[in-house]
Amino acid sequence: MTKQFLTAQETSLYFFNGKVSTALIYRLAAKRDLPSIRVGKRLLINLDQLKVKYA
């Protein structure tokens, strides 16, 4: 089973190979430049939409 959502840290490490900080991930999500949702305090980024936008 594959993951459909990544945390900000996972997005930074695995999708952007650590070249983008987690702080930038949070800022991009706040500006709606990243496809994301909030579950409580946790930010989750939709992996499929992220691939479409940045791959």
N, C-alpha and C. Protein backbone atom coordinates (compact mmCIF):
# COMPACT_ATOMS: atom_id res chain seq x y z
N MET A 1 0.85 -1.18 0.00
CA MET A 1 0.00 0.00 0.00
C MET A 1 0.89 1.24 0.00
N THR A 2 0.62 2.15 -0.88
CA THR A 2 1.43 3.36 -0.98
C THR A 2 0.77 4.49 -0.19
N LYS A 3 1.60 5.42 0.23
CA LYS A 3 1.10 6.58 0.96
C LYS A 3 0.44 7.56 0.01
N GLN A 4 -0.67 8.13 0.43
CA GLN A 4 -1.33 9.16 -0.37
C GLN A 4 -0.97 10.55 0.11
N PHE A 5 -0.55 10.65 1.37
CA PHE A 5 -0.20 11.94 1.96
C PHE A 5 1.16 11.86 2.62
N LEU A 6 1.91 12.95 2.58
CA LEU A 6 3.20 13.06 3.23
C LEU A 6 3.17 14.20 4.23
N THR A 7 3.95 14.07 5.30
CA THR A 7 4.11 15.19 6.23
C THR A 7 5.03 16.22 5.58
N ALA A 8 5.15 17.37 6.20
CA ALA A 8 6.04 18.41 5.66
C ALA A 8 7.48 17.92 5.62
N GLN A 9 7.91 17.23 6.66
CA GLN A 9 9.29 16.73 6.71
C GLN A 9 9.51 15.66 5.65
N GLU A 10 8.56 14.75 5.47
CA GLU A 10 8.69 13.71 4.44
C GLU A 10 8.71 14.33 3.05
N THR A 11 7.90 15.35 2.83
CA THR A 11 7.89 16.03 1.54
C THR A 11 9.24 16.65 1.25
N SER A 12 9.81 17.30 2.25
CA SER A 12 11.13 17.91 2.09
C SER A 12 12.19 16.87 1.77
N LEU A 13 12.21 15.78 2.53
CA LEU A 13 13.27 14.77 2.38
C LEU A 13 13.11 13.92 1.13
N TYR A 14 11.92 13.39 0.90
CA TYR A 14 11.75 12.40 -0.15
C TYR A 14 11.36 12.98 -1.50
N PHE A 15 10.54 14.02 -1.51
CA PHE A 15 10.11 14.56 -2.80
C PHE A 15 11.09 15.60 -3.33
N PHE A 16 11.60 16.46 -2.44
CA PHE A 16 12.53 17.50 -2.86
C PHE A 16 13.98 17.18 -2.50
N ASN A 17 14.24 15.94 -2.10
CA ASN A 17 15.60 15.46 -1.77
C ASN A 17 16.31 16.33 -0.75
N GLY A 18 15.59 16.90 0.19
CA GLY A 18 16.19 17.71 1.25
C GLY A 18 16.64 19.09 0.81
N LYS A 19 16.36 19.47 -0.43
CA LYS A 19 16.80 20.77 -0.94
C LYS A 19 15.85 21.90 -0.57
N VAL A 20 14.68 21.55 -0.05
CA VAL A 20 13.68 22.53 0.37
C VAL A 20 13.44 22.32 1.86
N SER A 21 13.49 23.38 2.64
CA SER A 21 13.31 23.26 4.09
C SER A 21 11.85 22.99 4.44
N THR A 22 11.65 22.42 5.62
CA THR A 22 10.28 22.20 6.07
C THR A 22 9.56 23.52 6.31
N ALA A 23 10.31 24.55 6.71
CA ALA A 23 9.70 25.88 6.89
C ALA A 23 9.13 26.39 5.58
N LEU A 24 9.84 26.17 4.49
CA LEU A 24 9.34 26.59 3.18
C LEU A 24 8.11 25.77 2.78
N ILE A 25 8.10 24.49 3.11
CA ILE A 25 6.93 23.65 2.84
C ILE A 25 5.71 24.23 3.54
N TYR A 26 5.86 24.61 4.82
CA TYR A 26 4.75 25.20 5.56
C TYR A 26 4.31 26.53 4.95
N ARG A 27 5.25 27.36 4.52
CA ARG A 27 4.90 28.65 3.90
C ARG A 27 4.16 28.44 2.58
N LEU A 28 4.64 27.50 1.76
CA LEU A 28 3.97 27.23 0.48
C LEU A 28 2.56 26.70 0.70
N ALA A 29 2.39 25.87 1.70
CA ALA A 29 1.06 25.34 2.01
C ALA A 29 0.14 26.46 2.50
N ALA A 30 0.67 27.37 3.29
CA ALA A 30 -0.14 28.49 3.79
C ALA A 30 -0.59 29.40 2.66
N LYS A 31 0.27 29.55 1.63
CA LYS A 31 -0.08 30.38 0.47
C LYS A 31 -0.90 29.60 -0.56
N ARG A 32 -1.20 28.33 -0.27
CA ARG A 32 -1.97 27.45 -1.16
C ARG A 32 -1.20 27.08 -2.42
N ASP A 33 0.14 27.14 -2.38
CA ASP A 33 0.94 26.71 -3.52
C ASP A 33 1.20 25.21 -3.49
N LEU A 34 0.95 24.57 -2.34
CA LEU A 34 1.08 23.12 -2.23
C LEU A 34 -0.30 22.53 -1.92
N PRO A 35 -0.64 21.42 -2.55
CA PRO A 35 -1.93 20.77 -2.27
C PRO A 35 -1.86 20.08 -0.91
N SER A 36 -2.48 20.68 0.10
CA SER A 36 -2.35 20.14 1.45
C SER A 36 -3.64 20.27 2.23
N ILE A 37 -3.70 19.50 3.33
CA ILE A 37 -4.81 19.59 4.27
C ILE A 37 -4.21 19.60 5.68
N ARG A 38 -4.99 20.06 6.62
CA ARG A 38 -4.58 20.02 8.03
C ARG A 38 -5.46 19.02 8.76
N VAL A 39 -4.82 18.18 9.55
CA VAL A 39 -5.51 17.25 10.44
C VAL A 39 -5.00 17.58 11.84
N GLY A 40 -5.80 18.30 12.59
CA GLY A 40 -5.32 18.81 13.87
C GLY A 40 -4.22 19.82 13.60
N LYS A 41 -3.05 19.60 14.21
CA LYS A 41 -1.90 20.48 13.97
C LYS A 41 -1.01 19.97 12.84
N ARG A 42 -1.28 18.78 12.37
CA ARG A 42 -0.42 18.15 11.36
C ARG A 42 -0.80 18.62 9.96
N LEU A 43 0.21 18.96 9.18
CA LEU A 43 0.03 19.34 7.78
C LEU A 43 0.32 18.12 6.92
N LEU A 44 -0.60 17.76 6.06
CA LEU A 44 -0.43 16.63 5.17
C LEU A 44 -0.51 17.10 3.73
N ILE A 45 0.46 16.68 2.92
CA ILE A 45 0.53 17.09 1.53
C ILE A 45 0.09 15.92 0.66
N ASN A 46 -0.82 16.17 -0.27
CA ASN A 46 -1.33 15.14 -1.17
C ASN A 46 -0.25 14.79 -2.19
N LEU A 47 0.21 13.55 -2.15
CA LEU A 47 1.33 13.12 -2.99
C LEU A 47 0.97 13.11 -4.47
N ASP A 48 -0.21 12.64 -4.82
CA ASP A 48 -0.60 12.58 -6.23
C ASP A 48 -0.66 13.97 -6.86
N GLN A 49 -1.27 14.92 -6.17
CA GLN A 49 -1.36 16.29 -6.69
C GLN A 49 0.00 16.96 -6.71
N LEU A 50 0.86 16.62 -5.75
CA LEU A 50 2.22 17.16 -5.72
C LEU A 50 3.01 16.70 -6.93
N LYS A 51 2.86 15.43 -7.28
CA LYS A 51 3.56 14.89 -8.46
C LYS A 51 3.09 15.57 -9.74
N VAL A 52 1.78 15.81 -9.84
CA VAL A 52 1.24 16.47 -11.03
C VAL A 52 1.78 17.89 -11.15
N LYS A 53 1.85 18.60 -10.03
CA LYS A 53 2.26 20.00 -10.06
C LYS A 53 3.77 20.18 -10.22
N TYR A 54 4.58 19.34 -9.59
CA TYR A 54 6.02 19.57 -9.56
C TYR A 54 6.86 18.52 -10.27
N ALA A 55 6.26 17.48 -10.81
CA ALA A 55 7.07 16.44 -11.47
C ALA A 55 7.25 16.73 -12.94
